[in-house]
Amino acid sequence: LIWNGFDADVFKVLPVSRAEVLSRYGLPPHPPAVVSFVGKLTEFKGVDVLLRAAQRYEREIEGVITLIVGHGALDEELRALARELGLQGVHFLGHQPQEKVARIYNIADVSVAPSRVEPFGLVAIEALACGTPVVATNEGGLPDFINERVGALVSVDDAEQLATAIVREIYSHSKQTKGKWAAQYALAEYSWSQQVKHMVKTYQQAIGPPARAS
């Protein structure tokens, strides 16, 4: 009945410069496109699928970069896979504070949630709140709020389909066509303040009207 909420004071559309944000990480300031992933580097998050998808979309979009934010047990394994696949534009940024994550979302053309299992998917909501479309797997809680109006859904463990959807979002300039609605949608439905309102309403309905004094 009550969804997870996000901090609307942190995750929102910001007037940030892509060149400035990327330069802080020592990355090329003017790539043709930016893909972001935020989450734990664990098997169920499907980062390996994203890397295999990157091998495909790097061939199609020369110079595209992929920012992977987070840490976890598979950190070294995933870095090794990126090297094995010959990826040129994938950058592991490690753990980042929320304020910096919000800036990364803001400069991305598309954010990706390639999870094999996902009870809800708060990072996808946070990306939407920053005005960034999300390509996510049709798994768990993600299809409850990701749709064609704010991004795209793909099958689990399908790197080809994931790459195709990412390329489509980039080439269609969905950041411009979907981003404003995505931010409004996230704020209206999934902010902490909205979830508190839903919680209060739910408890009031469960408790019922106050008993009348006899």
C-alpha atoms as a PDB file:
ATOM      1  CA  LEU A   1       0.000   0.000   0.000  1.00  0.00           C
ATOM      2  CA  ILE A   2       2.862   2.371   0.758  1.00  0.00           C
ATOM      3  CA  TRP A   3       5.723   2.754  -1.719  1.00  0.00           C
ATOM      4  CA  ASN A   4       9.306   3.619  -0.917  1.00  0.00           C
ATOM      5  CA  GLY A   5       9.926   7.353  -1.111  1.00  0.00           C
ATOM      6  CA  PHE A   6      12.857   9.452  -2.293  1.00  0.00           C
ATOM      7  CA  ASP A   7      14.382  12.648  -0.927  1.00  0.00           C
ATOM      8  CA  ALA A   8      13.040  15.387  -3.204  1.00  0.00           C
ATOM      9  CA  ASP A   9      15.462  17.902  -1.685  1.00  0.00           C
ATOM     10  CA  VAL A  10      18.368  15.917  -3.166  1.00  0.00           C
ATOM     11  CA  PHE A  11      17.026  14.176  -6.260  1.00  0.00           C
ATOM     12  CA  LYS A  12      15.634  16.816  -8.576  1.00  0.00           C
ATOM     13  CA  VAL A  13      16.390  18.563 -11.846  1.00  0.00           C
ATOM     14  CA  LEU A  14      19.535  20.625 -11.316  1.00  0.00           C
ATOM     15  CA  PRO A  15      21.243  23.302 -13.433  1.00  0.00           C
ATOM     16  CA  VAL A  16      24.480  21.325 -13.705  1.00  0.00           C
ATOM     17  CA  SER A  17      27.105  21.301 -16.433  1.00  0.00           C
ATOM     18  CA  ARG A  18      27.927  17.902 -17.930  1.00  0.00           C
ATOM     19  CA  ALA A  19      31.465  19.025 -18.690  1.00  0.00           C
ATOM     20  CA  GLU A  20      31.999  20.199 -15.110  1.00  0.00           C
ATOM     21  CA  VAL A  21      30.665  16.994 -13.536  1.00  0.00           C
ATOM     22  CA  LEU A  22      32.660  14.720 -15.824  1.00  0.00           C
ATOM     23  CA  SER A  23      35.831  16.752 -15.428  1.00  0.00           C
ATOM     24  CA  ARG A  24      35.697  16.195 -11.676  1.00  0.00           C
ATOM     25  CA  TYR A  25      36.176  12.486 -12.377  1.00  0.00           C
ATOM     26  CA  GLY A  26      38.884  13.072 -14.958  1.00  0.00           C
ATOM     27  CA  LEU A  27      36.570  12.024 -17.807  1.00  0.00           C
ATOM     28  CA  PRO A  28      36.107  13.504 -21.293  1.00  0.00           C
ATOM     29  CA  PRO A  29      33.875  16.579 -20.856  1.00  0.00           C
ATOM     30  CA  HIS A  30      31.864  16.328 -24.072  1.00  0.00           C
ATOM     31  CA  PRO A  31      30.822  12.743 -24.859  1.00  0.00           C
ATOM     32  CA  PRO A  32      27.971  12.285 -27.357  1.00  0.00           C
ATOM     33  CA  ALA A  33      25.913  10.454 -24.712  1.00  0.00           C
ATOM     34  CA  VAL A  34      26.049   9.361 -21.078  1.00  0.00           C
ATOM     35  CA  VAL A  35      24.532   6.184 -19.601  1.00  0.00           C
ATOM     36  CA  SER A  36      24.343   5.806 -15.818  1.00  0.00           C
ATOM     37  CA  PHE A  37      23.943   2.906 -13.412  1.00  0.00           C
ATOM     38  CA  VAL A  38      23.671   3.299  -9.640  1.00  0.00           C
ATOM     39  CA  GLY A  39      23.511   0.357  -7.242  1.00  0.00           C
ATOM     40  CA  LYS A  40      25.330  -2.459  -5.516  1.00  0.00           C
ATOM     41  CA  LEU A  41      27.773  -4.416  -7.600  1.00  0.00           C
ATOM     42  CA  THR A  42      26.119  -7.752  -6.921  1.00  0.00           C
ATOM     43  CA  GLU A  43      24.824 -10.565  -9.128  1.00  0.00           C
ATOM     44  CA  PHE A  44      21.147  -9.695  -8.805  1.00  0.00           C
ATOM     45  CA  LYS A  45      21.683  -6.129 -10.037  1.00  0.00           C
ATOM     46  CA  GLY A  46      22.660  -7.399 -13.501  1.00  0.00           C
ATOM     47  CA  VAL A  47      25.646  -5.100 -14.044  1.00  0.00           C
ATOM     48  CA  ASP A  48      27.301  -7.825 -16.108  1.00  0.00           C
ATOM     49  CA  VAL A  49      24.351  -7.653 -18.504  1.00  0.00           C
ATOM     50  CA  LEU A  50      24.819  -3.896 -18.776  1.00  0.00           C
ATOM     51  CA  LEU A  51      28.500  -4.390 -19.614  1.00  0.00           C
ATOM     52  CA  ARG A  52      27.615  -6.850 -22.376  1.00  0.00           C
ATOM     53  CA  ALA A  53      25.029  -4.363 -23.646  1.00  0.00           C
ATOM     54  CA  ALA A  54      27.701  -1.639 -23.560  1.00  0.00           C
ATOM     55  CA  GLN A  55      29.845  -3.726 -25.886  1.00  0.00           C
ATOM     56  CA  ARG A  56      26.999  -3.443 -28.393  1.00  0.00           C
ATOM     57  CA  TYR A  57      26.026   0.205 -27.964  1.00  0.00           C
ATOM     58  CA  GLU A  58      29.645   1.417 -27.899  1.00  0.00           C
ATOM     59  CA  ARG A  59      29.902   0.125 -31.489  1.00  0.00           C
ATOM     60  CA  GLU A  60      26.828   2.116 -32.481  1.00  0.00           C
ATOM     61  CA  ILE A  61      27.453   5.360 -30.588  1.00  0.00           C
ATOM     62  CA  GLU A  62      31.114   6.270 -30.849  1.00  0.00           C
ATOM     63  CA  GLY A  63      32.390   7.957 -27.704  1.00  0.00           C
ATOM     64  CA  VAL A  64      29.404   7.094 -25.454  1.00  0.00           C
ATOM     65  CA  ILE A  65      30.377   6.719 -21.811  1.00  0.00           C
ATOM     66  CA  THR A  66      28.808   4.583 -19.097  1.00  0.00           C
ATOM     67  CA  LEU A  67      29.114   5.661 -15.462  1.00  0.00           C
ATOM     68  CA  ILE A  68      28.812   2.867 -12.901  1.00  0.00           C
ATOM     69  CA  VAL A  69      28.259   4.197  -9.393  1.00  0.00           C
ATOM     70  CA  GLY A  70      28.397   1.861  -6.411  1.00  0.00           C
ATOM     71  CA  HIS A  71      30.476  -0.859  -4.830  1.00  0.00           C
ATOM     72  CA  GLY A  72      30.021  -4.483  -3.863  1.00  0.00           C
ATOM     73  CA  ALA A  73      31.385  -7.996  -3.880  1.00  0.00           C
ATOM     74  CA  LEU A  74      31.664  -8.167  -7.665  1.00  0.00           C
ATOM     75  CA  ASP A  75      33.641  -4.951  -8.085  1.00  0.00           C
ATOM     76  CA  GLU A  76      36.883  -6.559  -9.296  1.00  0.00           C
ATOM     77  CA  GLU A  77      35.058  -9.231 -11.295  1.00  0.00           C
ATOM     78  CA  LEU A  78      33.032  -6.616 -13.179  1.00  0.00           C
ATOM     79  CA  ARG A  79      36.098  -4.473 -13.850  1.00  0.00           C
ATOM     80  CA  ALA A  80      37.796  -7.569 -15.260  1.00  0.00           C
ATOM     81  CA  LEU A  81      34.765  -8.294 -17.452  1.00  0.00           C
ATOM     82  CA  ALA A  82      34.843  -4.721 -18.786  1.00  0.00           C
ATOM     83  CA  ARG A  83      38.488  -5.206 -19.757  1.00  0.00           C
ATOM     84  CA  GLU A  84      37.748  -8.611 -21.299  1.00  0.00           C
ATOM     85  CA  LEU A  85      34.966  -7.116 -23.410  1.00  0.00           C
ATOM     86  CA  GLY A  86      37.270  -4.336 -24.588  1.00  0.00           C
ATOM     87  CA  LEU A  87      34.989  -1.582 -23.324  1.00  0.00           C
ATOM     88  CA  GLN A  88      36.364   1.905 -23.889  1.00  0.00           C
ATOM     89  CA  GLY A  89      33.740   4.108 -22.280  1.00  0.00           C
ATOM     90  CA  VAL A  90      32.822   2.310 -19.042  1.00  0.00           C
ATOM     91  CA  HIS A  91      33.988   4.035 -15.869  1.00  0.00           C
ATOM     92  CA  PHE A  92      33.603   2.668 -12.341  1.00  0.00           C
ATOM     93  CA  LEU A  93      33.178   5.601  -9.962  1.00  0.00           C
ATOM     94  CA  GLY A  94      32.742   3.629  -6.738  1.00  0.00           C
ATOM     95  CA  HIS A  95      30.491   4.773  -3.934  1.00  0.00           C
ATOM     96  CA  GLN A  96      29.340   8.398  -4.206  1.00  0.00           C
ATOM     97  CA  PRO A  97      27.363  10.585  -1.774  1.00  0.00           C
ATOM     98  CA  GLN A  98      23.750  11.243  -2.711  1.00  0.00           C
ATOM     99  CA  GLU A  99      24.377  14.835  -3.786  1.00  0.00           C
ATOM    100  CA  LYS A 100      26.944  13.650  -6.344  1.00  0.00           C
ATOM    101  CA  VAL A 101      24.688  10.799  -7.471  1.00  0.00           C
ATOM    102  CA  ALA A 102      21.968  13.364  -8.204  1.00  0.00           C
ATOM    103  CA  ARG A 103      24.387  15.345 -10.361  1.00  0.00           C
ATOM    104  CA  ILE A 104      25.350  12.187 -12.255  1.00  0.00           C
ATOM    105  CA  TYR A 105      21.697  11.400 -12.905  1.00  0.00           C
ATOM    106  CA  ASN A 106      21.178  14.939 -14.164  1.00  0.00           C
ATOM    107  CA  ILE A 107      23.928  14.727 -16.784  1.00  0.00           C
ATOM    108  CA  ALA A 108      22.939  11.251 -18.006  1.00  0.00           C
ATOM    109  CA  ASP A 109      20.867  10.777 -21.145  1.00  0.00           C
ATOM    110  CA  VAL A 110      19.468   7.542 -19.760  1.00  0.00           C
ATOM    111  CA  SER A 111      19.804   5.574 -16.539  1.00  0.00           C
ATOM    112  CA  VAL A 112      19.682   1.796 -16.430  1.00  0.00           C
ATOM    113  CA  ALA A 113      18.290  -0.722 -13.920  1.00  0.00           C
ATOM    114  CA  PRO A 114      19.177  -4.152 -15.398  1.00  0.00           C
ATOM    115  CA  SER A 115      18.193  -6.088 -12.272  1.00  0.00           C
ATOM    116  CA  ARG A 116      17.539  -9.820 -12.231  1.00  0.00           C
ATOM    117  CA  VAL A 117      15.584  -9.359  -8.984  1.00  0.00           C
ATOM    118  CA  GLU A 118      14.249  -6.032  -7.725  1.00  0.00           C
ATOM    119  CA  PRO A 119      11.651  -5.683  -4.945  1.00  0.00           C
ATOM    120  CA  PHE A 120      11.107  -1.999  -5.769  1.00  0.00           C
ATOM    121  CA  GLY A 121      13.937  -0.074  -7.439  1.00  0.00           C
ATOM    122  CA  LEU A 122      14.392   3.230  -5.592  1.00  0.00           C
ATOM    123  CA  VAL A 123      17.375   4.223  -7.741  1.00  0.00           C
ATOM    124  CA  ALA A 124      15.106   4.220 -10.793  1.00  0.00           C
ATOM    125  CA  ILE A 125      12.707   6.625  -9.073  1.00  0.00           C
ATOM    126  CA  GLU A 126      15.615   8.875  -8.079  1.00  0.00           C
ATOM    127  CA  ALA A 127      16.801   8.991 -11.691  1.00  0.00           C
ATOM    128  CA  LEU A 128      13.309   9.892 -12.906  1.00  0.00           C
ATOM    129  CA  ALA A 129      13.158  12.660 -10.288  1.00  0.00           C
ATOM    130  CA  CYS A 130      16.297  14.121 -11.886  1.00  0.00           C
ATOM    131  CA  GLY A 131      14.546  14.208 -15.265  1.00  0.00           C
ATOM    132  CA  THR A 132      16.355  11.182 -16.696  1.00  0.00           C
ATOM    133  CA  PRO A 133      14.498   8.372 -18.501  1.00  0.00           C
ATOM    134  CA  VAL A 134      15.107   4.849 -17.203  1.00  0.00           C
ATOM    135  CA  VAL A 135      15.560   1.582 -19.073  1.00  0.00           C
ATOM    136  CA  ALA A 136      14.739  -1.204 -16.622  1.00  0.00           C
ATOM    137  CA  THR A 137      14.006  -4.898 -16.599  1.00  0.00           C
ATOM    138  CA  ASN A 138      10.441  -6.110 -16.488  1.00  0.00           C
ATOM    139  CA  GLU A 139      11.041  -7.585 -13.041  1.00  0.00           C
ATOM    140  CA  GLY A 140       9.731  -7.142  -9.498  1.00  0.00           C
ATOM    141  CA  GLY A 141       8.602  -3.633  -8.644  1.00  0.00           C
ATOM    142  CA  LEU A 142      10.161  -1.912 -11.664  1.00  0.00           C
ATOM    143  CA  PRO A 143       7.225  -2.400 -14.087  1.00  0.00           C
ATOM    144  CA  ASP A 144       4.932  -0.854 -11.476  1.00  0.00           C
ATOM    145  CA  PHE A 145       6.286   2.577 -12.353  1.00  0.00           C
ATOM    146  CA  ILE A 146       8.525   2.335 -15.433  1.00  0.00           C
ATOM    147  CA  ASN A 147       6.652   2.620 -18.719  1.00  0.00           C
ATOM    148  CA  GLU A 148       7.083   4.093 -22.198  1.00  0.00           C
ATOM    149  CA  ARG A 149       6.217   7.557 -20.944  1.00  0.00           C
ATOM    150  CA  VAL A 150       9.251   7.661 -18.651  1.00  0.00           C
ATOM    151  CA  GLY A 151      11.580   5.089 -20.229  1.00  0.00           C
ATOM    152  CA  ALA A 152      11.409   1.480 -21.383  1.00  0.00           C
ATOM    153  CA  LEU A 153      11.183  -2.077 -20.061  1.00  0.00           C
ATOM    154  CA  VAL A 154      13.268  -4.996 -21.306  1.00  0.00           C
ATOM    155  CA  SER A 155      13.566  -8.685 -20.506  1.00  0.00           C
ATOM    156  CA  VAL A 156      15.893  -9.921 -17.761  1.00  0.00           C
ATOM    157  CA  ASP A 157      19.350 -11.127 -18.886  1.00  0.00           C
ATOM    158  CA  ASP A 158      18.874  -9.890 -22.468  1.00  0.00           C
ATOM    159  CA  ALA A 159      21.914  -7.750 -23.304  1.00  0.00           C
ATOM    160  CA  GLU A 160      20.858  -7.298 -26.924  1.00  0.00           C
ATOM    161  CA  GLN A 161      17.425  -5.989 -25.984  1.00  0.00           C
ATOM    162  CA  LEU A 162      18.948  -3.772 -23.296  1.00  0.00           C
ATOM    163  CA  ALA A 163      21.426  -2.263 -25.754  1.00  0.00           C
ATOM    164  CA  THR A 164      18.695  -1.657 -28.319  1.00  0.00           C
ATOM    165  CA  ALA A 165      16.506   0.128 -25.778  1.00  0.00           C
ATOM    166  CA  ILE A 166      19.385   2.310 -24.569  1.00  0.00           C
ATOM    167  CA  VAL A 167      20.289   3.315 -28.114  1.00  0.00           C
ATOM    168  CA  ARG A 168      16.655   4.056 -28.881  1.00  0.00           C
ATOM    169  CA  GLU A 169      16.302   6.327 -25.857  1.00  0.00           C
ATOM    170  CA  ILE A 170      19.487   8.196 -26.782  1.00  0.00           C
ATOM    171  CA  TYR A 171      18.719   8.595 -30.483  1.00  0.00           C
ATOM    172  CA  SER A 172      15.132   9.686 -29.802  1.00  0.00           C
ATOM    173  CA  HIS A 173      16.387  12.394 -27.397  1.00  0.00           C
ATOM    174  CA  SER A 174      14.019  11.066 -24.751  1.00  0.00           C
ATOM    175  CA  LYS A 175      15.802  13.140 -22.100  1.00  0.00           C
ATOM    176  CA  GLN A 176      14.106  16.138 -23.729  1.00  0.00           C
ATOM    177  CA  THR A 177      10.786  14.494 -24.576  1.00  0.00           C
ATOM    178  CA  LYS A 178      10.294  12.372 -21.438  1.00  0.00           C
ATOM    179  CA  GLY A 179      12.453  14.038 -18.816  1.00  0.00           C
ATOM    180  CA  LYS A 180      10.153  16.824 -17.665  1.00  0.00           C
ATOM    181  CA  TRP A 181       7.199  14.477 -17.241  1.00  0.00           C
ATOM    182  CA  ALA A 182       9.400  11.892 -15.503  1.00  0.00           C
ATOM    183  CA  ALA A 183      10.497  14.435 -12.880  1.00  0.00           C
ATOM    184  CA  GLN A 184       6.923  15.622 -12.270  1.00  0.00           C
ATOM    185  CA  TYR A 185       5.665  12.037 -12.090  1.00  0.00           C
ATOM    186  CA  ALA A 186       8.283  11.005  -9.532  1.00  0.00           C
ATOM    187  CA  LEU A 187       7.656  14.052  -7.362  1.00  0.00           C
ATOM    188  CA  ALA A 188       3.882  13.681  -7.427  1.00  0.00           C
ATOM    189  CA  GLU A 189       3.809   9.971  -6.690  1.00  0.00           C
ATOM    190  CA  TYR A 190       6.973   8.868  -4.890  1.00  0.00           C
ATOM    191  CA  SER A 191       8.487  11.639  -2.786  1.00  0.00           C
ATOM    192  CA  TRP A 192       8.797  11.087   0.965  1.00  0.00           C
ATOM    193  CA  SER A 193       6.116  13.702   1.641  1.00  0.00           C
ATOM    194  CA  GLN A 194       3.664  11.940  -0.676  1.00  0.00           C
ATOM    195  CA  GLN A 195       4.328   8.574   0.944  1.00  0.00           C
ATOM    196  CA  VAL A 196       3.717  10.043   4.411  1.00  0.00           C
ATOM    197  CA  LYS A 197       0.359  11.349   3.180  1.00  0.00           C
ATOM    198  CA  HIS A 198      -0.501   7.904   1.809  1.00  0.00           C
ATOM    199  CA  MET A 199       0.534   6.314   5.103  1.00  0.00           C
ATOM    200  CA  VAL A 200      -1.601   8.644   7.194  1.00  0.00           C
ATOM    201  CA  LYS A 201      -4.589   8.090   4.925  1.00  0.00           C
ATOM    202  CA  THR A 202      -4.153   4.310   5.075  1.00  0.00           C
ATOM    203  CA  TYR A 203      -4.012   4.289   8.880  1.00  0.00           C
ATOM    204  CA  GLN A 204      -7.031   6.570   9.108  1.00  0.00           C
ATOM    205  CA  GLN A 205      -9.003   4.231   6.884  1.00  0.00           C
ATOM    206  CA  ALA A 206      -7.921   1.223   8.963  1.00  0.00           C
ATOM    207  CA  ILE A 207      -8.792   2.849  12.273  1.00  0.00           C
ATOM    208  CA  GLY A 208     -12.120   4.197  11.068  1.00  0.00           C
ATOM    209  CA  PRO A 209     -13.967   7.265  12.353  1.00  0.00           C
ATOM    210  CA  PRO A 210     -13.569   8.258  16.010  1.00  0.00           C
ATOM    211  CA  ALA A 211     -16.045   6.582  18.344  1.00  0.00           C
ATOM    212  CA  ARG A 212     -18.824   8.860  19.574  1.00  0.00           C
ATOM    213  CA  ALA A 213     -19.050   9.504  23.301  1.00  0.00           C
ATOM    214  CA  SER A 214     -22.128   7.857  24.830  1.00  0.00           C
END
